[in-house]
């Protein structure tokens, strides 16, 4: 028997109108409620019949391509789970989802994957490197009627359809707020970014600087390093940063590699027992590594960004476009920035 909107609403504890808004991407629903409804719909096997009939009438099958800078970065595991959840729905309409991953942020490799997919796909979901060559390729695909949605991080100067992901400016502002309070506004901070090639990482840093300037002028930012979202690179770069700035007493991890960064801080403190001082750390996201660090109280807190919903919503928007010609109703689908500390895990 088909699953109904009423059944989803009853299980989610919300109205049928709320479920309808979520399923049809109409917005005006709290992010945590939206994610709960989406997961319940996948769990119950909900199928929107009207969309299926529309696709059948077109008598055409579609392929959605997905390219993520995910290899070796456990953060993307939940994005991939969200994509998988939406893929189940897409398959009912004859739509296939083809996922390709890459390690690191090499423009040439991302362009190669885009070229490889171009002849096979009708839509692309891209986790883009912020480079004008990638922007030009997105524009080229758009001109060939292959729309692009950016997921998890955006790109400047492109004709992408919309962006689904974190509000990184707000995330960076929040991180500075936490460290500002924790240090009484007088800390000496190092920032461990992932890569300057990623717009979201730069936006987190910009947001951190904005709050530092406006609220915590005595919170000094001493250094910024790149971890390439790799724990060993993060370890080496953090240790080198601490050696350059032995008075550093706070670190903001603005991307992945938290385990490597925290291991470097611990080793640095062990090596300098004669004048130890605590290093307060704030992280980003809620990976298994971050969860472990929170439980061990090695970091004060972390700012999350609903990765499952990012994956699910990006594919759902693509399906609605291909099936019904329904364009996204806005340019930015921002996720909720949620603070996690050991007490609310």
C-alpha atoms as a PDB file:
ATOM      1  CA  UNK A   1       0.000   0.000   0.000  1.00  0.00           C
ATOM      2  CA  UNK A   2       1.306   3.470  -0.888  1.00  0.00           C
ATOM      3  CA  UNK A   3       2.670   5.631   1.887  1.00  0.00           C
ATOM      4  CA  UNK A   4       0.654   8.833   2.343  1.00  0.00           C
ATOM      5  CA  UNK A   5       1.522  12.334   3.475  1.00  0.00           C
ATOM      6  CA  UNK A   6      -0.828  11.766   6.410  1.00  0.00           C
ATOM      7  CA  UNK A   7       1.237   8.776   7.604  1.00  0.00           C
ATOM      8  CA  UNK A   8       4.458  10.765   7.402  1.00  0.00           C
ATOM      9  CA  UNK A   9       2.838  13.653   9.272  1.00  0.00           C
ATOM     10  CA  UNK A  10       1.608  11.376  12.056  1.00  0.00           C
ATOM     11  CA  UNK A  11       5.024   9.760  12.530  1.00  0.00           C
ATOM     12  CA  UNK A  12       6.811  13.132  12.429  1.00  0.00           C
ATOM     13  CA  UNK A  13       4.299  14.777  14.750  1.00  0.00           C
ATOM     14  CA  UNK A  14       3.562  17.630  12.338  1.00  0.00           C
ATOM     15  CA  UNK A  15       0.721  18.764  10.086  1.00  0.00           C
ATOM     16  CA  UNK A  16       0.124  17.428   6.573  1.00  0.00           C
ATOM     17  CA  UNK A  17       0.755  20.944   5.263  1.00  0.00           C
ATOM     18  CA  UNK A  18       4.232  20.923   6.797  1.00  0.00           C
ATOM     19  CA  UNK A  19       5.025  17.576   5.161  1.00  0.00           C
ATOM     20  CA  UNK A  20       3.745  18.884   1.823  1.00  0.00           C
ATOM     21  CA  UNK A  21       6.024  21.942   2.061  1.00  0.00           C
ATOM     22  CA  UNK A  22       9.054  19.752   2.757  1.00  0.00           C
ATOM     23  CA  UNK A  23       8.356  17.197   0.025  1.00  0.00           C
ATOM     24  CA  UNK A  24       7.815  19.935  -2.567  1.00  0.00           C
ATOM     25  CA  UNK A  25      10.732  22.126  -1.387  1.00  0.00           C
ATOM     26  CA  UNK A  26       8.490  25.114  -0.604  1.00  0.00           C
ATOM     27  CA  UNK A  27      10.525  26.158   2.443  1.00  0.00           C
ATOM     28  CA  UNK A  28       9.279  27.888   5.625  1.00  0.00           C
ATOM     29  CA  UNK A  29       9.989  24.804   7.761  1.00  0.00           C
ATOM     30  CA  UNK A  30      12.542  24.653  10.584  1.00  0.00           C
ATOM     31  CA  UNK A  31      15.676  22.785   9.408  1.00  0.00           C
ATOM     32  CA  UNK A  32      15.541  20.128  12.136  1.00  0.00           C
ATOM     33  CA  UNK A  33      11.863  19.386  11.336  1.00  0.00           C
ATOM     34  CA  UNK A  34      12.607  19.330   7.609  1.00  0.00           C
ATOM     35  CA  UNK A  35      15.402  16.779   8.098  1.00  0.00           C
ATOM     36  CA  UNK A  36      13.180  14.611  10.335  1.00  0.00           C
ATOM     37  CA  UNK A  37      10.420  14.575   7.708  1.00  0.00           C
ATOM     38  CA  UNK A  38      12.857  13.761   4.896  1.00  0.00           C
ATOM     39  CA  UNK A  39      14.337  10.837   6.814  1.00  0.00           C
ATOM     40  CA  UNK A  40      10.881   9.483   7.733  1.00  0.00           C
ATOM     41  CA  UNK A  41       9.796   9.720   4.084  1.00  0.00           C
ATOM     42  CA  UNK A  42      12.836   7.677   3.045  1.00  0.00           C
ATOM     43  CA  UNK A  43      12.313   5.184   5.883  1.00  0.00           C
ATOM     44  CA  UNK A  44       8.649   4.610   4.954  1.00  0.00           C
ATOM     45  CA  UNK A  45       9.391   4.456   1.230  1.00  0.00           C
ATOM     46  CA  UNK A  46       7.272   7.450   0.209  1.00  0.00           C
ATOM     47  CA  UNK A  47       6.803   7.927  -3.546  1.00  0.00           C
ATOM     48  CA  UNK A  48       5.287  11.167  -4.961  1.00  0.00           C
ATOM     49  CA  UNK A  49       3.035   9.708  -7.641  1.00  0.00           C
ATOM     50  CA  UNK A  50       2.380  12.933  -9.506  1.00  0.00           C
ATOM     51  CA  UNK A  51       6.050  13.379 -10.295  1.00  0.00           C
ATOM     52  CA  UNK A  52       6.316   9.766 -11.409  1.00  0.00           C
ATOM     53  CA  UNK A  53       3.453  10.189 -13.843  1.00  0.00           C
ATOM     54  CA  UNK A  54       4.997  13.364 -15.214  1.00  0.00           C
ATOM     55  CA  UNK A  55       8.249  11.545 -15.913  1.00  0.00           C
ATOM     56  CA  UNK A  56       6.499   8.556 -17.460  1.00  0.00           C
ATOM     57  CA  UNK A  57       4.697  10.920 -19.800  1.00  0.00           C
ATOM     58  CA  UNK A  58       8.012  12.246 -21.032  1.00  0.00           C
ATOM     59  CA  UNK A  59       9.219   8.719 -21.782  1.00  0.00           C
ATOM     60  CA  UNK A  60      12.806   9.679 -21.055  1.00  0.00           C
ATOM     61  CA  UNK A  61      15.286   8.458 -18.473  1.00  0.00           C
ATOM     62  CA  UNK A  62      17.727  10.849 -16.819  1.00  0.00           C
ATOM     63  CA  UNK A  63      21.099  10.625 -15.110  1.00  0.00           C
ATOM     64  CA  UNK A  64      22.169  12.978 -12.328  1.00  0.00           C
ATOM     65  CA  UNK A  65      25.927  13.214 -11.934  1.00  0.00           C
ATOM     66  CA  UNK A  66      27.499  14.005  -8.561  1.00  0.00           C
ATOM     67  CA  UNK A  67      31.130  15.054  -7.984  1.00  0.00           C
ATOM     68  CA  UNK A  68      32.364  15.423  -4.402  1.00  0.00           C
ATOM     69  CA  UNK A  69      35.797  16.196  -2.917  1.00  0.00           C
ATOM     70  CA  UNK A  70      35.020  13.396  -0.490  1.00  0.00           C
ATOM     71  CA  UNK A  71      37.754  10.795  -0.628  1.00  0.00           C
ATOM     72  CA  UNK A  72      39.552  10.557   2.704  1.00  0.00           C
ATOM     73  CA  UNK A  73      37.169  13.044   4.378  1.00  0.00           C
ATOM     74  CA  UNK A  74      34.671  11.358   6.699  1.00  0.00           C
ATOM     75  CA  UNK A  75      32.495  14.494   6.819  1.00  0.00           C
ATOM     76  CA  UNK A  76      31.101  13.559   3.411  1.00  0.00           C
ATOM     77  CA  UNK A  77      29.826  10.183   4.637  1.00  0.00           C
ATOM     78  CA  UNK A  78      26.566  11.802   5.776  1.00  0.00           C
ATOM     79  CA  UNK A  79      26.215  13.789   2.542  1.00  0.00           C
ATOM     80  CA  UNK A  80      26.568  10.516   0.650  1.00  0.00           C
ATOM     81  CA  UNK A  81      23.922   8.922   2.899  1.00  0.00           C
ATOM     82  CA  UNK A  82      21.557  11.788   2.096  1.00  0.00           C
ATOM     83  CA  UNK A  83      22.228  11.335  -1.623  1.00  0.00           C
ATOM     84  CA  UNK A  84      21.533   7.621  -1.239  1.00  0.00           C
ATOM     85  CA  UNK A  85      18.229   8.385   0.481  1.00  0.00           C
ATOM     86  CA  UNK A  86      17.107  10.647  -2.366  1.00  0.00           C
ATOM     87  CA  UNK A  87      18.434   8.180  -4.955  1.00  0.00           C
ATOM     88  CA  UNK A  88      15.876   5.652  -3.786  1.00  0.00           C
ATOM     89  CA  UNK A  89      13.110   8.123  -4.649  1.00  0.00           C
ATOM     90  CA  UNK A  90      14.753   9.154  -7.920  1.00  0.00           C
ATOM     91  CA  UNK A  91      14.943   5.557  -9.129  1.00  0.00           C
ATOM     92  CA  UNK A  92      11.142   5.326  -9.017  1.00  0.00           C
ATOM     93  CA  UNK A  93      11.066   7.963 -11.743  1.00  0.00           C
ATOM     94  CA  UNK A  94      13.657   6.217 -13.905  1.00  0.00           C
ATOM     95  CA  UNK A  95      16.393   8.600 -12.778  1.00  0.00           C
ATOM     96  CA  UNK A  96      19.866   7.263 -12.044  1.00  0.00           C
ATOM     97  CA  UNK A  97      22.375   8.977  -9.755  1.00  0.00           C
ATOM     98  CA  UNK A  98      26.048   8.522 -10.605  1.00  0.00           C
ATOM     99  CA  UNK A  99      28.471   9.569  -7.859  1.00  0.00           C
ATOM    100  CA  UNK A 100      32.167  10.254  -8.395  1.00  0.00           C
ATOM    101  CA  UNK A 101      34.594  11.301  -5.657  1.00  0.00           C
ATOM    102  CA  UNK A 102      38.055  12.812  -5.618  1.00  0.00           C
ATOM    103  CA  UNK A 103      40.708  13.459  -2.964  1.00  0.00           C
ATOM    104  CA  UNK A 104      41.903  16.973  -2.296  1.00  0.00           C
ATOM    105  CA  UNK A 105      41.329  20.126  -4.289  1.00  0.00           C
ATOM    106  CA  UNK A 106      43.103  19.758  -7.622  1.00  0.00           C
ATOM    107  CA  UNK A 107      41.341  21.809 -10.300  1.00  0.00           C
ATOM    108  CA  UNK A 108      42.602  19.611 -13.118  1.00  0.00           C
ATOM    109  CA  UNK A 109      41.153  16.490 -11.501  1.00  0.00           C
ATOM    110  CA  UNK A 110      37.762  18.102 -10.985  1.00  0.00           C
ATOM    111  CA  UNK A 111      37.705  19.303 -14.588  1.00  0.00           C
ATOM    112  CA  UNK A 112      38.630  15.783 -15.731  1.00  0.00           C
ATOM    113  CA  UNK A 113      35.687  14.304 -13.827  1.00  0.00           C
ATOM    114  CA  UNK A 114      33.327  16.953 -15.198  1.00  0.00           C
ATOM    115  CA  UNK A 115      34.496  16.185 -18.735  1.00  0.00           C
ATOM    116  CA  UNK A 116      34.090  12.460 -18.081  1.00  0.00           C
ATOM    117  CA  UNK A 117      30.486  12.867 -16.940  1.00  0.00           C
ATOM    118  CA  UNK A 118      29.413  15.474 -19.483  1.00  0.00           C
ATOM    119  CA  UNK A 119      28.298  13.100 -22.235  1.00  0.00           C
ATOM    120  CA  UNK A 120      26.383  10.853 -19.806  1.00  0.00           C
ATOM    121  CA  UNK A 121      24.395  13.193 -17.569  1.00  0.00           C
ATOM    122  CA  UNK A 122      21.426  15.549 -17.703  1.00  0.00           C
ATOM    123  CA  UNK A 123      22.149  17.343 -14.412  1.00  0.00           C
ATOM    124  CA  UNK A 124      25.240  17.864 -12.239  1.00  0.00           C
ATOM    125  CA  UNK A 125      25.536  18.250  -8.478  1.00  0.00           C
ATOM    126  CA  UNK A 126      29.007  19.618  -7.786  1.00  0.00           C
ATOM    127  CA  UNK A 127      31.125  20.224  -4.685  1.00  0.00           C
ATOM    128  CA  UNK A 128      33.194  22.862  -6.483  1.00  0.00           C
ATOM    129  CA  UNK A 129      36.711  24.159  -6.140  1.00  0.00           C
ATOM    130  CA  UNK A 130      36.463  27.957  -6.241  1.00  0.00           C
ATOM    131  CA  UNK A 131      38.415  28.516  -9.446  1.00  0.00           C
ATOM    132  CA  UNK A 132      37.498  30.424 -12.588  1.00  0.00           C
ATOM    133  CA  UNK A 133      38.221  27.352 -14.743  1.00  0.00           C
ATOM    134  CA  UNK A 134      35.568  25.396 -12.819  1.00  0.00           C
ATOM    135  CA  UNK A 135      33.181  28.367 -13.130  1.00  0.00           C
ATOM    136  CA  UNK A 136      33.722  28.461 -16.899  1.00  0.00           C
ATOM    137  CA  UNK A 137      33.019  24.733 -17.124  1.00  0.00           C
ATOM    138  CA  UNK A 138      29.786  25.166 -15.136  1.00  0.00           C
ATOM    139  CA  UNK A 139      28.761  27.940 -17.528  1.00  0.00           C
ATOM    140  CA  UNK A 140      29.602  25.724 -20.503  1.00  0.00           C
ATOM    141  CA  UNK A 141      27.448  22.905 -19.108  1.00  0.00           C
ATOM    142  CA  UNK A 142      24.600  25.327 -18.452  1.00  0.00           C
ATOM    143  CA  UNK A 143      24.709  26.489 -22.068  1.00  0.00           C
ATOM    144  CA  UNK A 144      24.448  22.829 -23.105  1.00  0.00           C
ATOM    145  CA  UNK A 145      21.279  22.448 -20.971  1.00  0.00           C
ATOM    146  CA  UNK A 146      23.045  20.562 -18.176  1.00  0.00           C
ATOM    147  CA  UNK A 147      22.094  22.543 -15.052  1.00  0.00           C
ATOM    148  CA  UNK A 148      24.411  22.549 -12.036  1.00  0.00           C
ATOM    149  CA  UNK A 149      23.625  22.715  -8.330  1.00  0.00           C
ATOM    150  CA  UNK A 150      26.535  23.378  -5.990  1.00  0.00           C
ATOM    151  CA  UNK A 151      26.508  21.408  -2.739  1.00  0.00           C
ATOM    152  CA  UNK A 152      28.338  21.989   0.556  1.00  0.00           C
ATOM    153  CA  UNK A 153      30.400  24.853  -0.863  1.00  0.00           C
ATOM    154  CA  UNK A 154      29.614  27.439  -3.514  1.00  0.00           C
ATOM    155  CA  UNK A 155      31.615  29.026  -6.331  1.00  0.00           C
ATOM    156  CA  UNK A 156      31.951  32.605  -7.511  1.00  0.00           C
ATOM    157  CA  UNK A 157      31.191  33.816 -11.038  1.00  0.00           C
ATOM    158  CA  UNK A 158      29.175  30.855 -12.312  1.00  0.00           C
ATOM    159  CA  UNK A 159      25.702  30.250 -13.728  1.00  0.00           C
ATOM    160  CA  UNK A 160      24.924  27.472 -11.267  1.00  0.00           C
ATOM    161  CA  UNK A 161      21.222  26.968 -10.572  1.00  0.00           C
ATOM    162  CA  UNK A 162      21.416  27.248  -6.778  1.00  0.00           C
ATOM    163  CA  UNK A 163      23.538  26.388  -3.754  1.00  0.00           C
ATOM    164  CA  UNK A 164      22.654  23.838  -1.042  1.00  0.00           C
ATOM    165  CA  UNK A 165      24.844  23.913   2.034  1.00  0.00           C
ATOM    166  CA  UNK A 166      26.271  25.708   5.032  1.00  0.00           C
ATOM    167  CA  UNK A 167      26.027  29.424   5.740  1.00  0.00           C
ATOM    168  CA  UNK A 168      29.775  29.610   6.282  1.00  0.00           C
ATOM    169  CA  UNK A 169      29.915  33.284   7.225  1.00  0.00           C
ATOM    170  CA  UNK A 170      27.524  32.617  10.098  1.00  0.00           C
ATOM    171  CA  UNK A 171      29.478  29.488  11.035  1.00  0.00           C
ATOM    172  CA  UNK A 172      32.717  31.488  11.306  1.00  0.00           C
ATOM    173  CA  UNK A 173      31.016  34.235  13.302  1.00  0.00           C
ATOM    174  CA  UNK A 174      29.637  31.635  15.694  1.00  0.00           C
ATOM    175  CA  UNK A 175      33.064  30.051  16.192  1.00  0.00           C
ATOM    176  CA  UNK A 176      34.592  33.421  17.033  1.00  0.00           C
ATOM    177  CA  UNK A 177      31.764  34.075  19.463  1.00  0.00           C
ATOM    178  CA  UNK A 178      32.477  30.825  21.306  1.00  0.00           C
ATOM    179  CA  UNK A 179      36.229  31.422  21.507  1.00  0.00           C
ATOM    180  CA  UNK A 180      35.720  35.064  22.441  1.00  0.00           C
ATOM    181  CA  UNK A 181      33.583  34.060  25.411  1.00  0.00           C
ATOM    182  CA  UNK A 182      35.911  31.190  26.383  1.00  0.00           C
ATOM    183  CA  UNK A 183      38.987  33.473  26.429  1.00  0.00           C
ATOM    184  CA  UNK A 184      37.275  36.548  27.908  1.00  0.00           C
ATOM    185  CA  UNK A 185      37.991  38.186  24.586  1.00  0.00           C
ATOM    186  CA  UNK A 186      41.761  38.168  25.069  1.00  0.00           C
ATOM    187  CA  UNK A 187      42.981  34.994  23.372  1.00  0.00           C
ATOM    188  CA  UNK A 188      45.714  34.498  20.797  1.00  0.00           C
ATOM    189  CA  UNK A 189      44.221  32.434  17.991  1.00  0.00           C
ATOM    190  CA  UNK A 190      45.431  30.235  15.164  1.00  0.00           C
ATOM    191  CA  UNK A 191      43.040  29.181  12.395  1.00  0.00           C
ATOM    192  CA  UNK A 192      43.332  25.766  10.742  1.00  0.00           C
ATOM    193  CA  UNK A 193      41.517  26.050   7.413  1.00  0.00           C
ATOM    194  CA  UNK A 194      41.119  23.268   4.883  1.00  0.00           C
ATOM    195  CA  UNK A 195      42.085  24.999   1.647  1.00  0.00           C
ATOM    196  CA  UNK A 196      41.993  28.548   0.312  1.00  0.00           C
ATOM    197  CA  UNK A 197      40.668  26.968  -2.898  1.00  0.00           C
ATOM    198  CA  UNK A 198      37.335  26.326  -1.157  1.00  0.00           C
ATOM    199  CA  UNK A 199      34.980  29.296  -0.938  1.00  0.00           C
ATOM    200  CA  UNK A 200      33.259  27.989   2.201  1.00  0.00           C
ATOM    201  CA  UNK A 201      36.533  27.748   4.124  1.00  0.00           C
ATOM    202  CA  UNK A 202      37.375  31.340   3.171  1.00  0.00           C
ATOM    203  CA  UNK A 203      33.901  32.483   4.208  1.00  0.00           C
ATOM    204  CA  UNK A 204      34.314  30.862   7.632  1.00  0.00           C
ATOM    205  CA  UNK A 205      37.564  32.761   8.099  1.00  0.00           C
ATOM    206  CA  UNK A 206      35.930  36.006   6.943  1.00  0.00           C
ATOM    207  CA  UNK A 207      33.054  35.486   9.375  1.00  0.00           C
ATOM    208  CA  UNK A 208      35.542  34.835  12.203  1.00  0.00           C
ATOM    209  CA  UNK A 209      37.418  38.063  11.387  1.00  0.00           C
ATOM    210  CA  UNK A 210      34.169  40.067  11.263  1.00  0.00           C
ATOM    211  CA  UNK A 211      33.145  39.020  14.766  1.00  0.00           C
ATOM    212  CA  UNK A 212      36.682  39.467  16.082  1.00  0.00           C
ATOM    213  CA  UNK A 213      36.736  43.037  14.767  1.00  0.00           C
ATOM    214  CA  UNK A 214      33.242  43.959  15.955  1.00  0.00           C
ATOM    215  CA  UNK A 215      33.054  42.165  19.311  1.00  0.00           C
ATOM    216  CA  UNK A 216      36.473  40.940  20.417  1.00  0.00           C
ATOM    217  CA  UNK A 217      39.184  43.399  19.274  1.00  0.00           C
ATOM    218  CA  UNK A 218      41.633  41.958  21.837  1.00  0.00           C
ATOM    219  CA  UNK A 219      41.263  38.466  20.390  1.00  0.00           C
ATOM    220  CA  UNK A 220      44.419  38.381  18.275  1.00  0.00           C
ATOM    221  CA  UNK A 221      44.566  36.158  15.168  1.00  0.00           C
ATOM    222  CA  UNK A 222      48.212  35.116  14.886  1.00  0.00           C
ATOM    223  CA  UNK A 223      48.277  32.674  11.980  1.00  0.00           C
ATOM    224  CA  UNK A 224      46.239  30.755   9.381  1.00  0.00           C
ATOM    225  CA  UNK A 225      47.294  27.337   8.078  1.00  0.00           C
ATOM    226  CA  UNK A 226      45.899  24.940   5.449  1.00  0.00           C
ATOM    227  CA  UNK A 227      45.344  21.290   6.401  1.00  0.00           C
ATOM    228  CA  UNK A 228      44.038  20.167   2.976  1.00  0.00           C
ATOM    229  CA  UNK A 229      41.404  18.334   5.083  1.00  0.00           C
ATOM    230  CA  UNK A 230      44.032  15.683   5.785  1.00  0.00           C
ATOM    231  CA  UNK A 231      44.823  14.683   9.382  1.00  0.00           C
ATOM    232  CA  UNK A 232      48.549  14.151   8.839  1.00  0.00           C
ATOM    233  CA  UNK A 233      48.930  17.465   7.018  1.00  0.00           C
ATOM    234  CA  UNK A 234      46.834  19.031   9.777  1.00  0.00           C
ATOM    235  CA  UNK A 235      49.146  17.577  12.427  1.00  0.00           C
ATOM    236  CA  UNK A 236      52.331  18.821  10.748  1.00  0.00           C
ATOM    237  CA  UNK A 237      50.984  22.284   9.939  1.00  0.00           C
ATOM    238  CA  UNK A 238      49.512  22.799  13.424  1.00  0.00           C
ATOM    239  CA  UNK A 239      52.726  21.741  15.159  1.00  0.00           C
ATOM    240  CA  UNK A 240      54.697  24.143  12.978  1.00  0.00           C
ATOM    241  CA  UNK A 241      52.211  26.947  13.748  1.00  0.00           C
ATOM    242  CA  UNK A 242      52.518  26.381  17.504  1.00  0.00           C
ATOM    243  CA  UNK A 243      56.307  26.478  17.257  1.00  0.00           C
ATOM    244  CA  UNK A 244      56.058  29.808  15.432  1.00  0.00           C
ATOM    245  CA  UNK A 245      53.640  31.166  18.045  1.00  0.00           C
ATOM    246  CA  UNK A 246      54.299  29.522  21.432  1.00  0.00           C
ATOM    247  CA  UNK A 247      51.922  31.960  23.167  1.00  0.00           C
ATOM    248  CA  UNK A 248      48.956  30.732  21.106  1.00  0.00           C
ATOM    249  CA  UNK A 249      46.155  29.681  23.438  1.00  0.00           C
ATOM    250  CA  UNK A 250      43.211  29.101  21.075  1.00  0.00           C
ATOM    251  CA  UNK A 251      42.667  27.304  17.756  1.00  0.00           C
ATOM    252  CA  UNK A 252      39.702  27.429  15.377  1.00  0.00           C
ATOM    253  CA  UNK A 253      39.451  24.378  13.107  1.00  0.00           C
ATOM    254  CA  UNK A 254      37.560  25.779  10.118  1.00  0.00           C
ATOM    255  CA  UNK A 255      37.370  22.503   8.170  1.00  0.00           C
ATOM    256  CA  UNK A 256      38.260  18.820   8.578  1.00  0.00           C
ATOM    257  CA  UNK A 257      41.441  17.202  10.033  1.00  0.00           C
ATOM    258  CA  UNK A 258      40.385  17.916  13.641  1.00  0.00           C
ATOM    259  CA  UNK A 259      42.024  14.732  14.937  1.00  0.00           C
ATOM    260  CA  UNK A 260      45.385  15.741  13.440  1.00  0.00           C
ATOM    261  CA  UNK A 261      45.130  19.308  14.753  1.00  0.00           C
ATOM    262  CA  UNK A 262      44.197  18.180  18.279  1.00  0.00           C
ATOM    263  CA  UNK A 263      46.959  15.558  18.325  1.00  0.00           C
ATOM    264  CA  UNK A 264      49.483  18.282  17.447  1.00  0.00           C
ATOM    265  CA  UNK A 265      48.192  20.520  20.245  1.00  0.00           C
ATOM    266  CA  UNK A 266      48.464  17.650  22.753  1.00  0.00           C
ATOM    267  CA  UNK A 267      52.008  16.795  21.632  1.00  0.00           C
ATOM    268  CA  UNK A 268      53.033  20.459  21.776  1.00  0.00           C
ATOM    269  CA  UNK A 269      51.773  20.765  25.331  1.00  0.00           C
ATOM    270  CA  UNK A 270      53.621  17.595  26.373  1.00  0.00           C
ATOM    271  CA  UNK A 271      56.832  18.919  24.829  1.00  0.00           C
ATOM    272  CA  UNK A 272      56.506  22.216  26.721  1.00  0.00           C
ATOM    273  CA  UNK A 273      55.582  21.061  30.215  1.00  0.00           C
ATOM    274  CA  UNK A 274      57.778  23.712  31.840  1.00  0.00           C
ATOM    275  CA  UNK A 275      55.373  26.489  30.759  1.00  0.00           C
ATOM    276  CA  UNK A 276      52.130  24.765  29.871  1.00  0.00           C
ATOM    277  CA  UNK A 277      48.985  26.709  29.119  1.00  0.00           C
ATOM    278  CA  UNK A 278      45.675  25.287  27.930  1.00  0.00           C
ATOM    279  CA  UNK A 279      44.790  25.682  24.259  1.00  0.00           C
ATOM    280  CA  UNK A 280      41.069  26.158  23.742  1.00  0.00           C
ATOM    281  CA  UNK A 281      39.786  24.601  20.515  1.00  0.00           C
ATOM    282  CA  UNK A 282      36.559  25.036  18.541  1.00  0.00           C
ATOM    283  CA  UNK A 283      35.842  22.728  15.609  1.00  0.00           C
ATOM    284  CA  UNK A 284      33.521  22.410  12.642  1.00  0.00           C
ATOM    285  CA  UNK A 285      30.976  19.673  11.863  1.00  0.00           C
ATOM    286  CA  UNK A 286      30.125  16.481  13.752  1.00  0.00           C
ATOM    287  CA  UNK A 287      32.137  13.617  12.335  1.00  0.00           C
ATOM    288  CA  UNK A 288      33.002  10.490  14.367  1.00  0.00           C
ATOM    289  CA  UNK A 289      36.431  12.046  15.041  1.00  0.00           C
ATOM    290  CA  UNK A 290      34.892  15.304  16.305  1.00  0.00           C
ATOM    291  CA  UNK A 291      32.386  13.383  18.437  1.00  0.00           C
ATOM    292  CA  UNK A 292      35.248  11.482  20.083  1.00  0.00           C
ATOM    293  CA  UNK A 293      37.164  14.706  20.718  1.00  0.00           C
ATOM    294  CA  UNK A 294      34.083  16.295  22.268  1.00  0.00           C
ATOM    295  CA  UNK A 295      33.523  13.342  24.579  1.00  0.00           C
ATOM    296  CA  UNK A 296      37.174  13.496  25.623  1.00  0.00           C
ATOM    297  CA  UNK A 297      36.735  17.261  26.187  1.00  0.00           C
ATOM    298  CA  UNK A 298      39.638  18.075  23.896  1.00  0.00           C
ATOM    299  CA  UNK A 299      37.537  20.674  22.097  1.00  0.00           C
ATOM    300  CA  UNK A 300      35.035  23.124  23.572  1.00  0.00           C
ATOM    301  CA  UNK A 301      32.417  22.699  20.905  1.00  0.00           C
ATOM    302  CA  UNK A 302      31.724  22.420  17.196  1.00  0.00           C
ATOM    303  CA  UNK A 303      29.362  24.063  14.691  1.00  0.00           C
ATOM    304  CA  UNK A 304      27.363  21.574  12.598  1.00  0.00           C
ATOM    305  CA  UNK A 305      25.748  21.989   9.165  1.00  0.00           C
ATOM    306  CA  UNK A 306      23.250  19.139   8.456  1.00  0.00           C
ATOM    307  CA  UNK A 307      25.248  17.186   5.840  1.00  0.00           C
ATOM    308  CA  UNK A 308      22.557  14.499   5.361  1.00  0.00           C
ATOM    309  CA  UNK A 309      20.040  17.162   4.361  1.00  0.00           C
ATOM    310  CA  UNK A 310      22.552  18.744   1.974  1.00  0.00           C
ATOM    311  CA  UNK A 311      22.889  15.491   0.060  1.00  0.00           C
ATOM    312  CA  UNK A 312      19.193  14.676   0.123  1.00  0.00           C
ATOM    313  CA  UNK A 313      17.944  18.138  -0.817  1.00  0.00           C
ATOM    314  CA  UNK A 314      20.383  18.672  -3.679  1.00  0.00           C
ATOM    315  CA  UNK A 315      19.256  15.450  -5.387  1.00  0.00           C
ATOM    316  CA  UNK A 316      15.582  16.178  -4.661  1.00  0.00           C
ATOM    317  CA  UNK A 317      15.882  19.625  -6.273  1.00  0.00           C
ATOM    318  CA  UNK A 318      17.511  18.042  -9.319  1.00  0.00           C
ATOM    319  CA  UNK A 319      14.732  15.433  -9.572  1.00  0.00           C
ATOM    320  CA  UNK A 320      12.016  18.107  -9.402  1.00  0.00           C
ATOM    321  CA  UNK A 321      13.777  20.053 -12.139  1.00  0.00           C
ATOM    322  CA  UNK A 322      14.118  17.063 -14.456  1.00  0.00           C
ATOM    323  CA  UNK A 323      10.646  15.665 -13.802  1.00  0.00           C
ATOM    324  CA  UNK A 324       8.504  18.787 -13.683  1.00  0.00           C
ATOM    325  CA  UNK A 325      10.771  21.533 -14.977  1.00  0.00           C
ATOM    326  CA  UNK A 326      10.506  23.059 -11.500  1.00  0.00           C
ATOM    327  CA  UNK A 327      13.351  25.495 -10.879  1.00  0.00           C
ATOM    328  CA  UNK A 328      14.507  26.145  -7.299  1.00  0.00           C
ATOM    329  CA  UNK A 329      12.581  29.030  -5.768  1.00  0.00           C
ATOM    330  CA  UNK A 330      15.727  30.662  -4.366  1.00  0.00           C
ATOM    331  CA  UNK A 331      19.470  30.887  -4.925  1.00  0.00           C
ATOM    332  CA  UNK A 332      20.583  29.707  -1.495  1.00  0.00           C
ATOM    333  CA  UNK A 333      19.334  26.738   0.521  1.00  0.00           C
ATOM    334  CA  UNK A 334      21.199  27.341   3.779  1.00  0.00           C
ATOM    335  CA  UNK A 335      21.423  24.715   6.498  1.00  0.00           C
ATOM    336  CA  UNK A 336      21.068  25.471  10.188  1.00  0.00           C
ATOM    337  CA  UNK A 337      24.274  26.218  12.112  1.00  0.00           C
ATOM    338  CA  UNK A 338      23.946  24.151  15.274  1.00  0.00           C
ATOM    339  CA  UNK A 339      26.387  24.263  18.197  1.00  0.00           C
ATOM    340  CA  UNK A 340      27.312  20.922  19.775  1.00  0.00           C
ATOM    341  CA  UNK A 341      29.111  20.630  23.111  1.00  0.00           C
ATOM    342  CA  UNK A 342      29.805  17.477  25.197  1.00  0.00           C
ATOM    343  CA  UNK A 343      26.612  18.031  27.194  1.00  0.00           C
ATOM    344  CA  UNK A 344      24.210  17.926  24.209  1.00  0.00           C
ATOM    345  CA  UNK A 345      25.686  15.155  22.090  1.00  0.00           C
END
